[in-house]
N, C-alpha and C. Protein backbone atom coordinates (compact mmCIF):
# COMPACT_ATOMS: atom_id res chain seq x y z
N MET A 1 71.88 -12.01 -14.57
CA MET A 1 70.60 -11.93 -13.88
C MET A 1 70.32 -13.27 -13.20
N ASP A 2 70.06 -13.27 -11.86
CA ASP A 2 69.84 -14.53 -11.17
C ASP A 2 68.44 -15.06 -11.44
N GLY A 3 68.20 -16.30 -10.96
CA GLY A 3 66.94 -16.97 -11.23
C GLY A 3 65.72 -16.24 -10.72
N ASN A 4 65.84 -15.65 -9.51
CA ASN A 4 64.69 -14.94 -8.92
C ASN A 4 64.30 -13.73 -9.74
N LYS A 5 65.30 -12.99 -10.20
CA LYS A 5 65.01 -11.80 -11.00
C LYS A 5 64.39 -12.18 -12.34
N LYS A 6 64.87 -13.26 -12.92
CA LYS A 6 64.29 -13.72 -14.18
C LYS A 6 62.83 -14.11 -13.99
N GLN A 7 62.56 -14.79 -12.86
CA GLN A 7 61.19 -15.21 -12.58
C GLN A 7 60.29 -14.00 -12.36
N GLU A 8 60.81 -13.00 -11.64
CA GLU A 8 60.03 -11.79 -11.39
C GLU A 8 59.74 -11.04 -12.69
N ARG A 9 60.76 -10.99 -13.56
CA ARG A 9 60.57 -10.30 -14.84
C ARG A 9 59.56 -11.04 -15.70
N LYS A 10 59.63 -12.38 -15.66
CA LYS A 10 58.68 -13.17 -16.44
C LYS A 10 57.25 -12.93 -15.95
N LYS A 11 57.07 -12.91 -14.63
CA LYS A 11 55.74 -12.68 -14.07
C LYS A 11 55.22 -11.29 -14.42
N ALA A 12 56.13 -10.30 -14.39
CA ALA A 12 55.74 -8.93 -14.73
C ALA A 12 55.31 -8.84 -16.19
N MET A 13 56.04 -9.51 -17.07
CA MET A 13 55.69 -9.50 -18.49
C MET A 13 54.36 -10.22 -18.74
N GLU A 14 54.14 -11.31 -18.02
CA GLU A 14 52.88 -12.04 -18.16
C GLU A 14 51.70 -11.18 -17.68
N ALA A 15 51.93 -10.46 -16.59
CA ALA A 15 50.87 -9.59 -16.07
C ALA A 15 50.54 -8.48 -17.06
N LEU A 16 51.59 -7.91 -17.68
CA LEU A 16 51.37 -6.86 -18.68
C LEU A 16 50.63 -7.40 -19.90
N THR A 17 51.02 -8.60 -20.35
CA THR A 17 50.35 -9.20 -21.50
C THR A 17 48.89 -9.47 -21.19
N ARG A 18 48.63 -10.03 -20.03
CA ARG A 18 47.25 -10.32 -19.63
C ARG A 18 46.42 -9.05 -19.55
N GLN A 19 47.00 -8.01 -18.95
CA GLN A 19 46.28 -6.74 -18.84
C GLN A 19 46.03 -6.13 -20.22
N GLY A 20 47.02 -6.27 -21.11
CA GLY A 20 46.84 -5.77 -22.46
C GLY A 20 45.70 -6.46 -23.18
N ILE A 21 45.55 -7.77 -22.93
CA ILE A 21 44.44 -8.52 -23.53
C ILE A 21 43.11 -8.01 -22.98
N LEU A 22 43.04 -7.80 -21.67
CA LEU A 22 41.80 -7.32 -21.06
C LEU A 22 41.46 -5.91 -21.55
N ASP A 23 42.47 -5.06 -21.69
CA ASP A 23 42.24 -3.72 -22.23
C ASP A 23 41.68 -3.80 -23.65
N ALA A 24 42.21 -4.74 -24.43
CA ALA A 24 41.73 -4.93 -25.79
C ALA A 24 40.29 -5.39 -25.80
N VAL A 25 39.96 -6.29 -24.89
CA VAL A 25 38.58 -6.79 -24.77
C VAL A 25 37.63 -5.63 -24.47
N ILE A 26 38.00 -4.80 -23.52
CA ILE A 26 37.14 -3.68 -23.13
C ILE A 26 36.98 -2.70 -24.28
N SER A 27 38.08 -2.43 -25.00
CA SER A 27 38.00 -1.53 -26.16
C SER A 27 37.04 -2.07 -27.21
N LEU A 28 37.13 -3.36 -27.48
CA LEU A 28 36.24 -3.98 -28.46
C LEU A 28 34.79 -3.96 -28.00
N LEU A 29 34.57 -4.25 -26.74
CA LEU A 29 33.21 -4.24 -26.20
C LEU A 29 32.58 -2.86 -26.32
N MET A 30 33.35 -1.84 -25.99
CA MET A 30 32.85 -0.48 -26.03
C MET A 30 32.56 -0.05 -27.47
N ARG A 31 33.36 -0.56 -28.41
CA ARG A 31 33.23 -0.16 -29.81
C ARG A 31 32.19 -0.98 -30.57
N ASP A 32 32.18 -2.30 -30.34
CA ASP A 32 31.37 -3.18 -31.17
C ASP A 32 30.35 -4.01 -30.41
N GLY A 33 30.37 -3.94 -29.08
CA GLY A 33 29.42 -4.74 -28.31
C GLY A 33 29.84 -6.18 -28.18
N ILE A 34 29.09 -6.92 -27.39
CA ILE A 34 29.47 -8.30 -27.08
C ILE A 34 29.38 -9.21 -28.29
N GLN A 35 28.47 -8.90 -29.21
CA GLN A 35 28.30 -9.74 -30.39
C GLN A 35 29.51 -9.67 -31.32
N GLY A 36 30.27 -8.58 -31.24
CA GLY A 36 31.43 -8.41 -32.11
C GLY A 36 32.72 -8.93 -31.53
N LEU A 37 32.63 -9.55 -30.34
CA LEU A 37 33.83 -10.01 -29.66
C LEU A 37 34.17 -11.44 -30.10
N THR A 38 35.34 -11.60 -30.72
CA THR A 38 35.84 -12.92 -31.09
C THR A 38 37.29 -13.02 -30.65
N MET A 39 37.79 -14.24 -30.55
CA MET A 39 39.18 -14.42 -30.14
C MET A 39 40.13 -13.83 -31.18
N ASP A 40 39.77 -13.94 -32.45
CA ASP A 40 40.61 -13.37 -33.51
C ASP A 40 40.71 -11.85 -33.36
N ARG A 41 39.58 -11.21 -33.10
CA ARG A 41 39.57 -9.76 -32.99
C ARG A 41 40.27 -9.29 -31.73
N VAL A 42 40.14 -10.05 -30.66
CA VAL A 42 40.85 -9.70 -29.42
C VAL A 42 42.36 -9.77 -29.66
N ALA A 43 42.81 -10.83 -30.31
CA ALA A 43 44.25 -10.98 -30.58
C ALA A 43 44.76 -9.83 -31.43
N ALA A 44 44.00 -9.46 -32.46
CA ALA A 44 44.42 -8.36 -33.33
C ALA A 44 44.46 -7.05 -32.57
N GLU A 45 43.45 -6.81 -31.74
CA GLU A 45 43.38 -5.57 -30.97
C GLU A 45 44.52 -5.48 -29.95
N ALA A 46 44.86 -6.63 -29.35
CA ALA A 46 45.92 -6.65 -28.33
C ALA A 46 47.32 -6.72 -28.95
N GLY A 47 47.37 -7.03 -30.25
CA GLY A 47 48.67 -7.12 -30.91
C GLY A 47 49.46 -8.36 -30.52
N VAL A 48 48.72 -9.47 -30.28
CA VAL A 48 49.38 -10.72 -29.93
C VAL A 48 48.87 -11.82 -30.85
N ALA A 49 49.57 -12.93 -30.88
CA ALA A 49 49.11 -14.08 -31.65
C ALA A 49 47.88 -14.68 -30.98
N LYS A 50 47.01 -15.24 -31.78
CA LYS A 50 45.79 -15.83 -31.22
C LYS A 50 46.13 -16.91 -30.19
N GLY A 51 47.17 -17.66 -30.45
CA GLY A 51 47.58 -18.71 -29.51
C GLY A 51 47.94 -18.17 -28.14
N THR A 52 48.43 -16.91 -28.10
CA THR A 52 48.79 -16.30 -26.83
C THR A 52 47.57 -16.14 -25.93
N LEU A 53 46.42 -15.89 -26.52
CA LEU A 53 45.19 -15.74 -25.73
C LEU A 53 44.92 -16.99 -24.91
N TYR A 54 45.20 -18.13 -25.53
CA TYR A 54 44.88 -19.39 -24.87
C TYR A 54 45.90 -19.77 -23.79
N VAL A 55 46.97 -19.02 -23.70
CA VAL A 55 47.90 -19.20 -22.58
C VAL A 55 47.26 -18.66 -21.30
N TYR A 56 46.43 -17.62 -21.46
CA TYR A 56 45.83 -16.95 -20.31
C TYR A 56 44.36 -17.27 -20.11
N PHE A 57 43.66 -17.58 -21.18
CA PHE A 57 42.21 -17.80 -21.11
C PHE A 57 41.82 -19.00 -21.95
N THR A 58 40.83 -19.75 -21.47
CA THR A 58 40.39 -20.96 -22.17
C THR A 58 39.51 -20.63 -23.37
N ASN A 59 38.64 -19.62 -23.22
CA ASN A 59 37.68 -19.28 -24.27
C ASN A 59 37.19 -17.85 -24.09
N LYS A 60 36.26 -17.44 -24.95
CA LYS A 60 35.75 -16.08 -24.91
C LYS A 60 35.01 -15.79 -23.60
N GLU A 61 34.27 -16.76 -23.11
CA GLU A 61 33.52 -16.56 -21.88
C GLU A 61 34.46 -16.28 -20.70
N GLU A 62 35.58 -16.97 -20.68
CA GLU A 62 36.54 -16.75 -19.60
C GLU A 62 37.16 -15.35 -19.71
N ILE A 63 37.39 -14.88 -20.93
CA ILE A 63 37.90 -13.52 -21.11
C ILE A 63 36.86 -12.50 -20.63
N LEU A 64 35.60 -12.74 -20.94
CA LEU A 64 34.54 -11.84 -20.48
C LEU A 64 34.47 -11.81 -18.95
N ASP A 65 34.59 -12.97 -18.33
CA ASP A 65 34.58 -13.02 -16.87
C ASP A 65 35.74 -12.20 -16.29
N ALA A 66 36.92 -12.36 -16.91
CA ALA A 66 38.09 -11.63 -16.42
C ALA A 66 37.92 -10.13 -16.62
N ALA A 67 37.35 -9.73 -17.75
CA ALA A 67 37.10 -8.31 -18.00
C ALA A 67 36.11 -7.75 -17.00
N LEU A 68 35.09 -8.55 -16.67
CA LEU A 68 34.11 -8.14 -15.67
C LEU A 68 34.76 -7.96 -14.31
N ASP A 69 35.61 -8.92 -13.94
CA ASP A 69 36.32 -8.82 -12.66
C ASP A 69 37.18 -7.56 -12.61
N ALA A 70 37.94 -7.33 -13.68
CA ALA A 70 38.83 -6.17 -13.71
C ALA A 70 38.05 -4.86 -13.64
N SER A 71 36.91 -4.81 -14.31
CA SER A 71 36.10 -3.60 -14.34
C SER A 71 35.45 -3.33 -12.98
N PHE A 72 35.10 -4.41 -12.28
CA PHE A 72 34.39 -4.27 -11.02
C PHE A 72 35.32 -4.15 -9.81
N ASP A 73 36.60 -4.42 -9.99
CA ASP A 73 37.52 -4.40 -8.84
C ASP A 73 37.49 -3.08 -8.06
N PRO A 74 37.59 -1.91 -8.73
CA PRO A 74 37.55 -0.65 -7.96
C PRO A 74 36.23 -0.47 -7.22
N PHE A 75 35.13 -0.86 -7.84
CA PHE A 75 33.81 -0.78 -7.25
C PHE A 75 33.72 -1.66 -6.00
N ILE A 76 34.20 -2.89 -6.11
CA ILE A 76 34.14 -3.82 -4.98
C ILE A 76 35.01 -3.33 -3.83
N ARG A 77 36.20 -2.81 -4.15
CA ARG A 77 37.07 -2.30 -3.09
C ARG A 77 36.42 -1.10 -2.39
N GLY A 78 35.77 -0.25 -3.19
CA GLY A 78 35.12 0.92 -2.60
C GLY A 78 33.97 0.54 -1.70
N LEU A 79 33.13 -0.37 -2.16
CA LEU A 79 32.00 -0.81 -1.33
C LEU A 79 32.49 -1.52 -0.07
N SER A 80 33.51 -2.34 -0.21
CA SER A 80 34.04 -3.05 0.95
C SER A 80 34.57 -2.07 2.00
N ALA A 81 35.25 -1.03 1.53
CA ALA A 81 35.77 -0.03 2.46
C ALA A 81 34.63 0.67 3.19
N LEU A 82 33.55 0.97 2.48
CA LEU A 82 32.40 1.63 3.12
C LEU A 82 31.77 0.74 4.18
N LEU A 83 31.60 -0.53 3.85
CA LEU A 83 30.95 -1.45 4.78
C LEU A 83 31.84 -1.79 5.97
N ASP A 84 33.16 -1.63 5.81
CA ASP A 84 34.10 -1.89 6.90
C ASP A 84 34.33 -0.65 7.77
N ASP A 85 33.75 0.48 7.38
CA ASP A 85 33.97 1.74 8.11
C ASP A 85 33.34 1.67 9.49
N ASP A 86 33.68 2.67 10.31
CA ASP A 86 33.16 2.73 11.68
C ASP A 86 31.85 3.50 11.77
N HIS A 87 31.28 3.90 10.63
CA HIS A 87 30.03 4.65 10.66
C HIS A 87 28.88 3.78 11.16
N PRO A 88 27.80 4.39 11.63
CA PRO A 88 26.61 3.62 12.05
C PRO A 88 26.03 2.86 10.86
N PRO A 89 25.29 1.79 11.12
CA PRO A 89 24.74 0.96 10.03
C PRO A 89 23.91 1.74 9.02
N ASP A 90 23.08 2.68 9.48
CA ASP A 90 22.25 3.43 8.53
C ASP A 90 23.10 4.29 7.60
N ARG A 91 24.19 4.84 8.12
CA ARG A 91 25.11 5.63 7.29
C ARG A 91 25.82 4.73 6.29
N LYS A 92 26.21 3.52 6.71
CA LYS A 92 26.85 2.59 5.78
C LYS A 92 25.93 2.26 4.61
N LEU A 93 24.67 2.02 4.89
CA LEU A 93 23.73 1.69 3.83
C LEU A 93 23.51 2.86 2.88
N ALA A 94 23.46 4.07 3.44
CA ALA A 94 23.30 5.26 2.60
C ALA A 94 24.53 5.46 1.71
N ASP A 95 25.72 5.26 2.28
CA ASP A 95 26.95 5.39 1.49
C ASP A 95 27.04 4.31 0.42
N PHE A 96 26.57 3.11 0.76
CA PHE A 96 26.53 2.00 -0.21
C PHE A 96 25.68 2.39 -1.40
N SER A 97 24.51 2.95 -1.14
CA SER A 97 23.60 3.34 -2.23
C SER A 97 24.25 4.35 -3.16
N LEU A 98 24.86 5.37 -2.59
CA LEU A 98 25.47 6.42 -3.40
C LEU A 98 26.64 5.87 -4.21
N CYS A 99 27.49 5.06 -3.58
CA CYS A 99 28.64 4.48 -4.27
C CYS A 99 28.19 3.56 -5.41
N HIS A 100 27.16 2.77 -5.15
CA HIS A 100 26.65 1.83 -6.14
C HIS A 100 26.13 2.56 -7.37
N LEU A 101 25.23 3.51 -7.18
CA LEU A 101 24.64 4.21 -8.32
C LEU A 101 25.66 5.08 -9.04
N ARG A 102 26.59 5.66 -8.31
CA ARG A 102 27.61 6.51 -8.93
C ARG A 102 28.51 5.69 -9.84
N PHE A 103 28.94 4.51 -9.38
CA PHE A 103 29.81 3.66 -10.21
C PHE A 103 29.10 3.27 -11.50
N PHE A 104 27.86 2.81 -11.38
CA PHE A 104 27.13 2.37 -12.57
C PHE A 104 26.86 3.54 -13.51
N ASP A 105 26.66 4.72 -12.95
CA ASP A 105 26.41 5.89 -13.80
C ASP A 105 27.68 6.29 -14.55
N GLU A 106 28.81 6.26 -13.88
CA GLU A 106 30.06 6.69 -14.49
C GLU A 106 30.58 5.67 -15.51
N ASN A 107 30.12 4.42 -15.41
CA ASN A 107 30.59 3.36 -16.31
C ASN A 107 29.43 2.71 -17.05
N ARG A 108 28.40 3.50 -17.35
CA ARG A 108 27.14 2.95 -17.85
C ARG A 108 27.29 2.19 -19.17
N ASP A 109 28.08 2.68 -20.09
CA ASP A 109 28.20 2.01 -21.38
C ASP A 109 28.89 0.66 -21.25
N LEU A 110 29.97 0.63 -20.50
CA LEU A 110 30.68 -0.63 -20.31
C LEU A 110 29.85 -1.60 -19.49
N ILE A 111 29.19 -1.11 -18.45
CA ILE A 111 28.37 -1.96 -17.61
C ILE A 111 27.22 -2.55 -18.41
N ARG A 112 26.62 -1.76 -19.28
CA ARG A 112 25.52 -2.26 -20.10
C ARG A 112 25.98 -3.45 -20.94
N VAL A 113 27.17 -3.33 -21.52
CA VAL A 113 27.68 -4.41 -22.36
C VAL A 113 28.08 -5.62 -21.52
N LEU A 114 28.83 -5.37 -20.46
CA LEU A 114 29.37 -6.47 -19.67
C LEU A 114 28.31 -7.19 -18.86
N PHE A 115 27.28 -6.46 -18.45
CA PHE A 115 26.33 -7.07 -17.53
C PHE A 115 24.98 -7.33 -18.18
N PHE A 116 24.31 -6.29 -18.62
CA PHE A 116 22.94 -6.46 -19.09
C PHE A 116 22.89 -7.15 -20.46
N ASP A 117 23.70 -6.72 -21.42
CA ASP A 117 23.71 -7.38 -22.72
C ASP A 117 24.19 -8.82 -22.58
N ARG A 118 25.13 -9.05 -21.70
CA ARG A 118 25.67 -10.39 -21.51
C ARG A 118 24.59 -11.32 -20.97
N GLU A 119 23.77 -10.83 -20.06
CA GLU A 119 22.70 -11.66 -19.52
C GLU A 119 21.67 -12.00 -20.60
N ARG A 120 21.45 -11.07 -21.53
CA ARG A 120 20.50 -11.37 -22.59
C ARG A 120 21.07 -12.41 -23.56
N VAL A 121 22.38 -12.32 -23.81
CA VAL A 121 23.01 -13.29 -24.72
C VAL A 121 23.11 -14.66 -24.05
N HIS A 122 23.44 -14.68 -22.77
CA HIS A 122 23.59 -15.94 -22.03
C HIS A 122 22.48 -16.01 -20.99
N SER A 123 21.28 -16.28 -21.45
CA SER A 123 20.12 -16.22 -20.57
C SER A 123 20.16 -17.25 -19.45
N GLU A 124 20.98 -18.31 -19.63
CA GLU A 124 21.05 -19.32 -18.58
C GLU A 124 21.84 -18.81 -17.37
N LYS A 125 22.61 -17.75 -17.57
CA LYS A 125 23.38 -17.18 -16.47
C LYS A 125 22.54 -16.14 -15.74
N SER A 126 22.77 -16.00 -14.46
CA SER A 126 21.99 -15.05 -13.67
C SER A 126 22.90 -14.39 -12.65
N HIS A 127 22.62 -13.10 -12.41
CA HIS A 127 23.44 -12.41 -11.41
C HIS A 127 23.18 -12.97 -10.01
N TYR A 128 22.09 -13.71 -9.82
CA TYR A 128 21.81 -14.29 -8.51
C TYR A 128 22.85 -15.33 -8.12
N THR A 129 23.48 -15.96 -9.11
CA THR A 129 24.51 -16.95 -8.81
C THR A 129 25.92 -16.37 -8.91
N ASP A 130 26.03 -15.10 -9.24
CA ASP A 130 27.33 -14.46 -9.36
C ASP A 130 27.95 -14.29 -7.97
N ARG A 131 29.23 -14.62 -7.85
CA ARG A 131 29.88 -14.58 -6.54
C ARG A 131 29.92 -13.17 -5.97
N ARG A 132 30.05 -12.14 -6.85
CA ARG A 132 30.05 -10.77 -6.34
C ARG A 132 28.72 -10.43 -5.70
N TYR A 133 27.66 -10.85 -6.36
CA TYR A 133 26.32 -10.61 -5.82
C TYR A 133 26.16 -11.29 -4.46
N GLN A 134 26.55 -12.55 -4.36
CA GLN A 134 26.41 -13.30 -3.12
C GLN A 134 27.25 -12.69 -2.00
N ILE A 135 28.45 -12.26 -2.34
CA ILE A 135 29.33 -11.65 -1.34
C ILE A 135 28.68 -10.41 -0.75
N PHE A 136 28.11 -9.55 -1.61
CA PHE A 136 27.57 -8.30 -1.10
C PHE A 136 26.21 -8.47 -0.44
N VAL A 137 25.47 -9.49 -0.80
CA VAL A 137 24.26 -9.80 -0.03
C VAL A 137 24.68 -10.12 1.41
N GLN A 138 25.72 -10.94 1.55
CA GLN A 138 26.19 -11.30 2.89
C GLN A 138 26.74 -10.09 3.63
N ARG A 139 27.50 -9.24 2.92
CA ARG A 139 28.08 -8.06 3.59
C ARG A 139 27.00 -7.09 4.06
N VAL A 140 25.99 -6.86 3.22
CA VAL A 140 24.90 -5.98 3.62
C VAL A 140 24.10 -6.61 4.75
N ALA A 141 23.92 -7.93 4.70
CA ALA A 141 23.22 -8.63 5.78
C ALA A 141 23.95 -8.44 7.10
N ASP A 142 25.28 -8.44 7.06
CA ASP A 142 26.06 -8.21 8.28
C ASP A 142 25.80 -6.82 8.84
N VAL A 143 25.69 -5.83 7.96
CA VAL A 143 25.40 -4.46 8.41
C VAL A 143 24.00 -4.39 9.02
N LEU A 144 23.05 -5.07 8.41
CA LEU A 144 21.69 -5.10 8.95
C LEU A 144 21.68 -5.76 10.33
N ASP A 145 22.39 -6.86 10.46
CA ASP A 145 22.48 -7.52 11.77
C ASP A 145 23.11 -6.60 12.81
N GLU A 146 24.09 -5.84 12.37
CA GLU A 146 24.74 -4.86 13.25
C GLU A 146 23.71 -3.83 13.72
N GLY A 147 22.87 -3.36 12.79
CA GLY A 147 21.85 -2.39 13.16
C GLY A 147 20.82 -2.96 14.11
N VAL A 148 20.44 -4.23 13.91
CA VAL A 148 19.51 -4.88 14.83
C VAL A 148 20.14 -5.01 16.22
N GLY A 149 21.41 -5.41 16.23
CA GLY A 149 22.11 -5.56 17.50
C GLY A 149 22.23 -4.26 18.28
N GLN A 150 22.31 -3.14 17.56
CA GLN A 150 22.41 -1.83 18.21
C GLN A 150 21.05 -1.24 18.56
N GLY A 151 19.98 -1.96 18.22
CA GLY A 151 18.64 -1.46 18.50
C GLY A 151 18.18 -0.41 17.51
N MET A 152 18.89 -0.26 16.39
CA MET A 152 18.54 0.73 15.38
C MET A 152 17.43 0.22 14.48
N PHE A 153 17.49 -1.09 14.12
CA PHE A 153 16.52 -1.70 13.21
C PHE A 153 15.68 -2.73 13.96
N ASP A 154 14.46 -2.93 13.48
CA ASP A 154 13.62 -4.01 13.98
C ASP A 154 14.24 -5.35 13.62
N PRO A 155 13.99 -6.41 14.39
CA PRO A 155 14.46 -7.75 14.02
C PRO A 155 13.98 -8.11 12.62
N LEU A 156 14.83 -8.76 11.84
CA LEU A 156 14.51 -9.06 10.45
C LEU A 156 15.29 -10.26 9.96
N ASP A 157 14.89 -10.77 8.80
CA ASP A 157 15.67 -11.81 8.11
C ASP A 157 16.70 -11.07 7.27
N SER A 158 17.91 -10.95 7.79
CA SER A 158 18.90 -10.05 7.20
C SER A 158 19.29 -10.44 5.77
N MET A 159 19.37 -11.74 5.47
CA MET A 159 19.75 -12.14 4.11
C MET A 159 18.68 -11.76 3.10
N LYS A 160 17.42 -11.96 3.45
CA LYS A 160 16.33 -11.61 2.53
C LYS A 160 16.26 -10.09 2.33
N VAL A 161 16.38 -9.34 3.41
CA VAL A 161 16.31 -7.89 3.30
C VAL A 161 17.52 -7.34 2.55
N ALA A 162 18.69 -7.94 2.77
CA ALA A 162 19.89 -7.51 2.04
C ALA A 162 19.70 -7.72 0.54
N ALA A 163 19.13 -8.87 0.16
CA ALA A 163 18.87 -9.13 -1.26
C ALA A 163 17.88 -8.11 -1.81
N MET A 164 16.85 -7.76 -1.04
CA MET A 164 15.88 -6.75 -1.47
C MET A 164 16.57 -5.41 -1.67
N PHE A 165 17.47 -5.06 -0.76
CA PHE A 165 18.19 -3.78 -0.82
C PHE A 165 19.04 -3.70 -2.09
N ILE A 166 19.78 -4.76 -2.38
CA ILE A 166 20.63 -4.77 -3.56
C ILE A 166 19.79 -4.81 -4.83
N GLU A 167 18.70 -5.57 -4.83
CA GLU A 167 17.83 -5.63 -6.00
C GLU A 167 17.22 -4.26 -6.30
N ALA A 168 16.94 -3.49 -5.27
CA ALA A 168 16.40 -2.14 -5.48
C ALA A 168 17.40 -1.29 -6.27
N HIS A 169 18.68 -1.46 -5.96
CA HIS A 169 19.71 -0.72 -6.69
C HIS A 169 19.84 -1.20 -8.12
N MET A 170 19.78 -2.52 -8.31
CA MET A 170 19.88 -3.05 -9.66
C MET A 170 18.68 -2.59 -10.50
N GLY A 171 17.50 -2.57 -9.89
CA GLY A 171 16.33 -2.08 -10.61
C GLY A 171 16.47 -0.61 -10.99
N MET A 172 17.01 0.18 -10.09
CA MET A 172 17.21 1.60 -10.37
C MET A 172 18.23 1.78 -11.50
N VAL A 173 19.30 1.00 -11.47
CA VAL A 173 20.32 1.10 -12.52
C VAL A 173 19.71 0.73 -13.88
N MET A 174 18.96 -0.35 -13.92
CA MET A 174 18.34 -0.78 -15.18
C MET A 174 17.38 0.28 -15.71
N GLN A 175 16.63 0.89 -14.80
CA GLN A 175 15.69 1.92 -15.22
C GLN A 175 16.42 3.15 -15.76
N ARG A 176 17.51 3.52 -15.10
CA ARG A 176 18.29 4.67 -15.54
C ARG A 176 18.90 4.41 -16.92
N ILE A 177 19.43 3.20 -17.12
CA ILE A 177 20.01 2.87 -18.42
C ILE A 177 18.93 2.83 -19.49
N HIS A 178 17.80 2.21 -19.18
CA HIS A 178 16.70 2.11 -20.13
C HIS A 178 16.18 3.48 -20.54
N ASP A 179 16.09 4.40 -19.57
CA ASP A 179 15.56 5.73 -19.85
C ASP A 179 16.61 6.73 -20.29
N GLY A 180 17.87 6.29 -20.36
CA GLY A 180 18.95 7.18 -20.78
C GLY A 180 19.26 8.27 -19.78
N ILE A 181 19.04 7.98 -18.51
CA ILE A 181 19.27 8.97 -17.45
C ILE A 181 20.72 8.88 -16.98
N SER A 182 21.36 10.03 -16.83
CA SER A 182 22.70 10.07 -16.26
C SER A 182 22.79 11.25 -15.31
N GLY A 183 23.73 11.17 -14.37
CA GLY A 183 23.90 12.23 -13.39
C GLY A 183 22.81 12.18 -12.33
N ASP A 184 22.91 13.10 -11.37
CA ASP A 184 21.93 13.25 -10.29
C ASP A 184 21.70 11.92 -9.56
N VAL A 185 22.78 11.17 -9.32
CA VAL A 185 22.63 9.89 -8.63
C VAL A 185 22.28 10.08 -7.15
N GLU A 186 22.63 11.24 -6.60
CA GLU A 186 22.36 11.48 -5.18
C GLU A 186 20.86 11.39 -4.88
N LYS A 187 20.05 11.94 -5.78
CA LYS A 187 18.60 11.93 -5.58
C LYS A 187 18.06 10.50 -5.57
N ASP A 188 18.49 9.68 -6.52
CA ASP A 188 17.99 8.31 -6.60
C ASP A 188 18.52 7.46 -5.45
N ALA A 189 19.77 7.67 -5.06
CA ALA A 189 20.34 6.93 -3.93
C ALA A 189 19.59 7.27 -2.65
N LYS A 190 19.28 8.55 -2.46
CA LYS A 190 18.55 8.98 -1.27
C LYS A 190 17.15 8.39 -1.25
N GLN A 191 16.53 8.31 -2.43
CA GLN A 191 15.18 7.75 -2.50
C GLN A 191 15.17 6.29 -2.04
N ILE A 192 16.15 5.51 -2.49
CA ILE A 192 16.23 4.11 -2.07
C ILE A 192 16.45 4.00 -0.57
N THR A 193 17.43 4.73 -0.06
CA THR A 193 17.75 4.59 1.36
C THR A 193 16.63 5.13 2.24
N ASN A 194 15.96 6.19 1.82
CA ASN A 194 14.84 6.70 2.62
C ASN A 194 13.74 5.67 2.75
N ILE A 195 13.40 5.01 1.64
CA ILE A 195 12.35 3.99 1.66
C ILE A 195 12.75 2.84 2.58
N PHE A 196 14.00 2.38 2.45
CA PHE A 196 14.43 1.26 3.29
C PHE A 196 14.58 1.67 4.75
N MET A 197 15.12 2.83 5.01
CA MET A 197 15.30 3.26 6.40
C MET A 197 13.95 3.39 7.11
N GLU A 198 12.94 3.87 6.39
CA GLU A 198 11.61 4.01 6.98
C GLU A 198 11.06 2.66 7.41
N GLY A 199 11.32 1.65 6.59
CA GLY A 199 10.83 0.32 6.92
C GLY A 199 11.69 -0.41 7.95
N LEU A 200 12.98 -0.07 8.00
CA LEU A 200 13.90 -0.80 8.87
C LEU A 200 13.95 -0.27 10.29
N ARG A 201 13.75 1.03 10.46
CA ARG A 201 14.01 1.63 11.78
C ARG A 201 13.09 1.05 12.85
N ARG A 202 13.69 0.79 13.97
CA ARG A 202 12.96 0.21 15.09
C ARG A 202 11.91 1.19 15.60
N ARG A 203 10.72 0.70 15.76
CA ARG A 203 9.64 1.54 16.26
C ARG A 203 9.78 1.70 17.77
N LYS A 204 9.64 2.91 18.24
CA LYS A 204 9.77 3.18 19.67
C LYS A 204 8.56 2.65 20.43
């Protein structure tokens, strides 16, 4: 086996080990919550030595960040594809709402642990400083600017309105989790977009 193949095999094995650790983290979170997550328990769940964890992650917080990234990757790719589509700006915002609420509804237990419980445990952290949040505020702001440029929306402060739009979704998700509501995301997504579209549309 030549050097390149050995290197490729090593990278593949490292990727599998890392993914196995993240899978173990998610299993533990779903079963025992964030308070039950320790490096010892992650190692036991993943079937690796505790020292192996530190090859890939510095501490528990870094493992949680990686688990959050892995869990949100499909969601982020889906939202990005919607915002990059050729649909009109109002359709993009409506699709964003439905995709957002559907993802959180389908992954409500994991999201509650990874996001809401985590914020309560680490109160100094805020989703306002999270890079995913900042990225999508900017992406939604770009769609709003597109709508203004097309004469669809009234002139606005796109970054502020984008933050309001995303916060409306986060508020809806929190309310649904708090009230134990699942399913029927189309109704709630439509409610958000209808309210925003009424305020955004350019007056003739």
